[in-house]
Protein backbone atom coordinates (compact mmCIF):
# COMPACT_ATOMS: atom_id res chain seq x y z
CA UNK A 1 0.00 0.00 0.00
CA UNK A 2 1.41 3.40 -0.88
CA UNK A 3 1.75 6.11 1.79
CA UNK A 4 -1.04 8.35 0.43
CA UNK A 5 -3.54 5.48 0.37
CA UNK A 6 -2.56 4.55 3.92
CA UNK A 7 -3.12 8.16 5.06
CA UNK A 8 -6.53 8.25 3.37
CA UNK A 9 -7.60 4.96 4.95
CA UNK A 10 -6.39 6.05 8.38
CA UNK A 11 -8.20 9.39 8.01
CA UNK A 12 -11.41 7.60 7.02
CA UNK A 13 -11.16 5.30 10.05
CA UNK A 14 -10.54 8.32 12.28
CA UNK A 15 -13.57 10.16 10.87
CA UNK A 16 -15.66 7.05 11.52
CA UNK A 17 -14.48 6.97 15.14
CA UNK A 18 -15.21 10.68 15.55
CA UNK A 19 -18.69 10.35 14.05
CA UNK A 20 -19.43 7.26 16.09
CA UNK A 21 -18.65 9.11 19.33
CA UNK A 22 -20.31 12.34 18.23
CA UNK A 23 -23.47 11.06 16.53
CA UNK A 24 -24.05 7.40 17.33
CA UNK A 25 -22.90 7.32 20.96
CA UNK A 26 -23.04 10.73 22.64
CA UNK A 27 -24.24 8.80 25.70
CA UNK A 28 -20.80 7.28 26.22
CA UNK A 29 -19.27 9.29 29.03
CA UNK A 30 -15.76 10.70 28.67
CA UNK A 31 -14.93 9.54 32.18
CA UNK A 32 -15.78 5.95 31.23
CA UNK A 33 -13.65 6.19 28.09
CA UNK A 34 -10.71 7.60 30.06
CA UNK A 35 -11.04 5.00 32.81
CA UNK A 36 -11.23 2.13 30.33
CA UNK A 37 -9.06 3.24 27.41
CA UNK A 38 -6.90 6.07 28.75
CA UNK A 39 -8.31 8.67 26.36
CA UNK A 40 -11.57 10.51 25.69
CA UNK A 41 -13.07 13.06 23.32
CA UNK A 42 -11.08 15.83 24.97
CA UNK A 43 -7.87 13.89 24.32
CA UNK A 44 -8.84 13.44 20.68
CA UNK A 45 -9.51 17.15 20.34
CA UNK A 46 -6.19 18.00 22.02
CA UNK A 47 -4.33 15.63 19.70
CA UNK A 48 -5.98 17.33 16.73
CA UNK A 49 -4.98 20.75 18.06
CA UNK A 50 -1.39 19.57 18.61
CA UNK A 51 -1.19 18.02 15.12
CA UNK A 52 -2.43 21.27 13.58
CA UNK A 53 0.16 23.25 15.56
CA UNK A 54 2.91 20.99 14.20
CA UNK A 55 1.79 22.12 10.73
CA UNK A 56 1.76 25.77 11.80
CA UNK A 57 -2.03 25.92 11.95
CA UNK A 58 -3.64 27.43 15.02
CA UNK A 59 -6.85 25.82 16.21
CA UNK A 60 -8.34 26.94 19.49
CA UNK A 61 -9.26 24.47 22.19
CA UNK A 62 -12.92 25.32 21.61
CA UNK A 63 -12.66 24.75 17.84
CA UNK A 64 -10.93 21.41 18.33
CA UNK A 65 -13.50 20.28 20.87
CA UNK A 66 -16.40 21.26 18.62
CA UNK A 67 -14.88 19.00 15.95
CA UNK A 68 -15.40 16.05 18.33
CA UNK A 69 -18.63 17.09 20.01
CA UNK A 70 -20.48 18.50 17.00
CA UNK A 71 -21.44 21.53 19.09
CA UNK A 72 -19.85 23.78 21.69
CA UNK A 73 -18.44 21.72 24.55
CA UNK A 74 -20.61 23.34 27.23
CA UNK A 75 -23.73 22.56 25.20
CA UNK A 76 -22.67 18.92 24.81
CA UNK A 77 -21.99 18.66 28.54
CA UNK A 78 -25.42 20.03 29.42
CA UNK A 79 -27.12 17.60 27.01
CA UNK A 80 -25.08 14.47 27.61
CA UNK A 81 -22.76 14.51 30.60
CA UNK A 82 -23.90 12.85 33.79
CA UNK A 83 -22.47 13.14 37.30
CA UNK A 84 -19.66 10.75 38.09
CA UNK A 85 -19.60 8.65 41.22
CA UNK A 86 -16.71 9.18 43.64
CA UNK A 87 -15.32 5.80 42.52
CA UNK A 88 -15.39 6.80 38.84
CA UNK A 89 -13.79 10.14 39.67
CA UNK A 90 -10.98 8.44 41.61
CA UNK A 91 -10.39 6.02 38.72
CA UNK A 92 -10.38 8.99 36.33
CA UNK A 93 -7.79 10.85 38.39
CA UNK A 94 -5.54 7.78 38.24
CA UNK A 95 -6.12 7.22 34.49
CA UNK A 96 -5.54 10.91 33.75
CA UNK A 97 -2.25 10.92 35.66
CA UNK A 98 -1.11 7.77 33.85
CA UNK A 99 -2.17 8.78 30.34
CA UNK A 100 -2.11 12.55 29.97
CA UNK A 101 1.46 13.72 29.93
CA UNK A 102 2.37 17.38 30.37
CA UNK A 103 3.87 19.11 27.36
CA UNK A 104 7.65 19.41 27.54
C-alpha atoms as a PDB file:
ATOM      1  CA  UNK A   1       0.000   0.000   0.000  1.00  0.00           C
ATOM      2  CA  UNK A   2       1.410   3.396  -0.885  1.00  0.00           C
ATOM      3  CA  UNK A   3       1.745   6.105   1.786  1.00  0.00           C
ATOM      4  CA  UNK A   4      -1.039   8.347   0.428  1.00  0.00           C
ATOM      5  CA  UNK A   5      -3.537   5.478   0.368  1.00  0.00           C
ATOM      6  CA  UNK A   6      -2.559   4.547   3.924  1.00  0.00           C
ATOM      7  CA  UNK A   7      -3.119   8.161   5.057  1.00  0.00           C
ATOM      8  CA  UNK A   8      -6.533   8.247   3.365  1.00  0.00           C
ATOM      9  CA  UNK A   9      -7.598   4.956   4.947  1.00  0.00           C
ATOM     10  CA  UNK A  10      -6.390   6.048   8.385  1.00  0.00           C
ATOM     11  CA  UNK A  11      -8.196   9.387   8.007  1.00  0.00           C
ATOM     12  CA  UNK A  12     -11.411   7.604   7.019  1.00  0.00           C
ATOM     13  CA  UNK A  13     -11.161   5.302  10.049  1.00  0.00           C
ATOM     14  CA  UNK A  14     -10.540   8.318  12.282  1.00  0.00           C
ATOM     15  CA  UNK A  15     -13.567  10.160  10.869  1.00  0.00           C
ATOM     16  CA  UNK A  16     -15.664   7.053  11.522  1.00  0.00           C
ATOM     17  CA  UNK A  17     -14.482   6.969  15.144  1.00  0.00           C
ATOM     18  CA  UNK A  18     -15.210  10.682  15.553  1.00  0.00           C
ATOM     19  CA  UNK A  19     -18.687  10.354  14.046  1.00  0.00           C
ATOM     20  CA  UNK A  20     -19.433   7.263  16.094  1.00  0.00           C
ATOM     21  CA  UNK A  21     -18.652   9.106  19.333  1.00  0.00           C
ATOM     22  CA  UNK A  22     -20.313  12.343  18.232  1.00  0.00           C
ATOM     23  CA  UNK A  23     -23.465  11.061  16.531  1.00  0.00           C
ATOM     24  CA  UNK A  24     -24.053   7.401  17.330  1.00  0.00           C
ATOM     25  CA  UNK A  25     -22.896   7.319  20.961  1.00  0.00           C
ATOM     26  CA  UNK A  26     -23.038  10.732  22.638  1.00  0.00           C
ATOM     27  CA  UNK A  27     -24.240   8.800  25.701  1.00  0.00           C
ATOM     28  CA  UNK A  28     -20.798   7.279  26.224  1.00  0.00           C
ATOM     29  CA  UNK A  29     -19.274   9.291  29.026  1.00  0.00           C
ATOM     30  CA  UNK A  30     -15.761  10.699  28.673  1.00  0.00           C
ATOM     31  CA  UNK A  31     -14.925   9.538  32.184  1.00  0.00           C
ATOM     32  CA  UNK A  32     -15.780   5.952  31.228  1.00  0.00           C
ATOM     33  CA  UNK A  33     -13.647   6.192  28.092  1.00  0.00           C
ATOM     34  CA  UNK A  34     -10.709   7.599  30.062  1.00  0.00           C
ATOM     35  CA  UNK A  35     -11.042   5.002  32.805  1.00  0.00           C
ATOM     36  CA  UNK A  36     -11.226   2.132  30.332  1.00  0.00           C
ATOM     37  CA  UNK A  37      -9.061   3.242  27.414  1.00  0.00           C
ATOM     38  CA  UNK A  38      -6.901   6.068  28.746  1.00  0.00           C
ATOM     39  CA  UNK A  39      -8.315   8.671  26.357  1.00  0.00           C
ATOM     40  CA  UNK A  40     -11.565  10.509  25.688  1.00  0.00           C
ATOM     41  CA  UNK A  41     -13.074  13.061  23.320  1.00  0.00           C
ATOM     42  CA  UNK A  42     -11.084  15.831  24.969  1.00  0.00           C
ATOM     43  CA  UNK A  43      -7.874  13.888  24.321  1.00  0.00           C
ATOM     44  CA  UNK A  44      -8.842  13.443  20.677  1.00  0.00           C
ATOM     45  CA  UNK A  45      -9.510  17.152  20.337  1.00  0.00           C
ATOM     46  CA  UNK A  46      -6.195  18.001  22.025  1.00  0.00           C
ATOM     47  CA  UNK A  47      -4.335  15.633  19.702  1.00  0.00           C
ATOM     48  CA  UNK A  48      -5.984  17.332  16.734  1.00  0.00           C
ATOM     49  CA  UNK A  49      -4.978  20.752  18.059  1.00  0.00           C
ATOM     50  CA  UNK A  50      -1.393  19.574  18.606  1.00  0.00           C
ATOM     51  CA  UNK A  51      -1.188  18.021  15.117  1.00  0.00           C
ATOM     52  CA  UNK A  52      -2.427  21.271  13.582  1.00  0.00           C
ATOM     53  CA  UNK A  53       0.158  23.250  15.565  1.00  0.00           C
ATOM     54  CA  UNK A  54       2.907  20.991  14.202  1.00  0.00           C
ATOM     55  CA  UNK A  55       1.791  22.123  10.734  1.00  0.00           C
ATOM     56  CA  UNK A  56       1.764  25.773  11.796  1.00  0.00           C
ATOM     57  CA  UNK A  57      -2.034  25.923  11.955  1.00  0.00           C
ATOM     58  CA  UNK A  58      -3.635  27.431  15.021  1.00  0.00           C
ATOM     59  CA  UNK A  59      -6.849  25.817  16.209  1.00  0.00           C
ATOM     60  CA  UNK A  60      -8.339  26.942  19.493  1.00  0.00           C
ATOM     61  CA  UNK A  61      -9.259  24.467  22.195  1.00  0.00           C
ATOM     62  CA  UNK A  62     -12.918  25.322  21.607  1.00  0.00           C
ATOM     63  CA  UNK A  63     -12.659  24.749  17.839  1.00  0.00           C
ATOM     64  CA  UNK A  64     -10.929  21.413  18.332  1.00  0.00           C
ATOM     65  CA  UNK A  65     -13.504  20.284  20.871  1.00  0.00           C
ATOM     66  CA  UNK A  66     -16.398  21.258  18.625  1.00  0.00           C
ATOM     67  CA  UNK A  67     -14.885  19.002  15.948  1.00  0.00           C
ATOM     68  CA  UNK A  68     -15.398  16.052  18.335  1.00  0.00           C
ATOM     69  CA  UNK A  69     -18.627  17.085  20.015  1.00  0.00           C
ATOM     70  CA  UNK A  70     -20.481  18.502  17.002  1.00  0.00           C
ATOM     71  CA  UNK A  71     -21.441  21.527  19.095  1.00  0.00           C
ATOM     72  CA  UNK A  72     -19.846  23.784  21.693  1.00  0.00           C
ATOM     73  CA  UNK A  73     -18.440  21.725  24.550  1.00  0.00           C
ATOM     74  CA  UNK A  74     -20.609  23.342  27.232  1.00  0.00           C
ATOM     75  CA  UNK A  75     -23.733  22.559  25.205  1.00  0.00           C
ATOM     76  CA  UNK A  76     -22.671  18.916  24.808  1.00  0.00           C
ATOM     77  CA  UNK A  77     -21.990  18.664  28.542  1.00  0.00           C
ATOM     78  CA  UNK A  78     -25.425  20.035  29.419  1.00  0.00           C
ATOM     79  CA  UNK A  79     -27.117  17.597  27.010  1.00  0.00           C
ATOM     80  CA  UNK A  80     -25.077  14.465  27.609  1.00  0.00           C
ATOM     81  CA  UNK A  81     -22.755  14.513  30.603  1.00  0.00           C
ATOM     82  CA  UNK A  82     -23.895  12.846  33.793  1.00  0.00           C
ATOM     83  CA  UNK A  83     -22.474  13.145  37.301  1.00  0.00           C
ATOM     84  CA  UNK A  84     -19.662  10.747  38.092  1.00  0.00           C
ATOM     85  CA  UNK A  85     -19.604   8.650  41.222  1.00  0.00           C
ATOM     86  CA  UNK A  86     -16.708   9.183  43.635  1.00  0.00           C
ATOM     87  CA  UNK A  87     -15.317   5.800  42.520  1.00  0.00           C
ATOM     88  CA  UNK A  88     -15.389   6.800  38.842  1.00  0.00           C
ATOM     89  CA  UNK A  89     -13.788  10.144  39.674  1.00  0.00           C
ATOM     90  CA  UNK A  90     -10.982   8.437  41.607  1.00  0.00           C
ATOM     91  CA  UNK A  91     -10.393   6.021  38.720  1.00  0.00           C
ATOM     92  CA  UNK A  92     -10.385   8.986  36.326  1.00  0.00           C
ATOM     93  CA  UNK A  93      -7.791  10.854  38.395  1.00  0.00           C
ATOM     94  CA  UNK A  94      -5.543   7.779  38.241  1.00  0.00           C
ATOM     95  CA  UNK A  95      -6.119   7.222  34.493  1.00  0.00           C
ATOM     96  CA  UNK A  96      -5.542  10.909  33.750  1.00  0.00           C
ATOM     97  CA  UNK A  97      -2.247  10.924  35.658  1.00  0.00           C
ATOM     98  CA  UNK A  98      -1.112   7.770  33.855  1.00  0.00           C
ATOM     99  CA  UNK A  99      -2.173   8.785  30.341  1.00  0.00           C
ATOM    100  CA  UNK A 100      -2.112  12.552  29.967  1.00  0.00           C
ATOM    101  CA  UNK A 101       1.457  13.718  29.928  1.00  0.00           C
ATOM    102  CA  UNK A 102       2.369  17.378  30.365  1.00  0.00           C
ATOM    103  CA  UNK A 103       3.869  19.110  27.358  1.00  0.00           C
ATOM    104  CA  UNK A 104       7.650  19.408  27.538  1.00  0.00           C
END
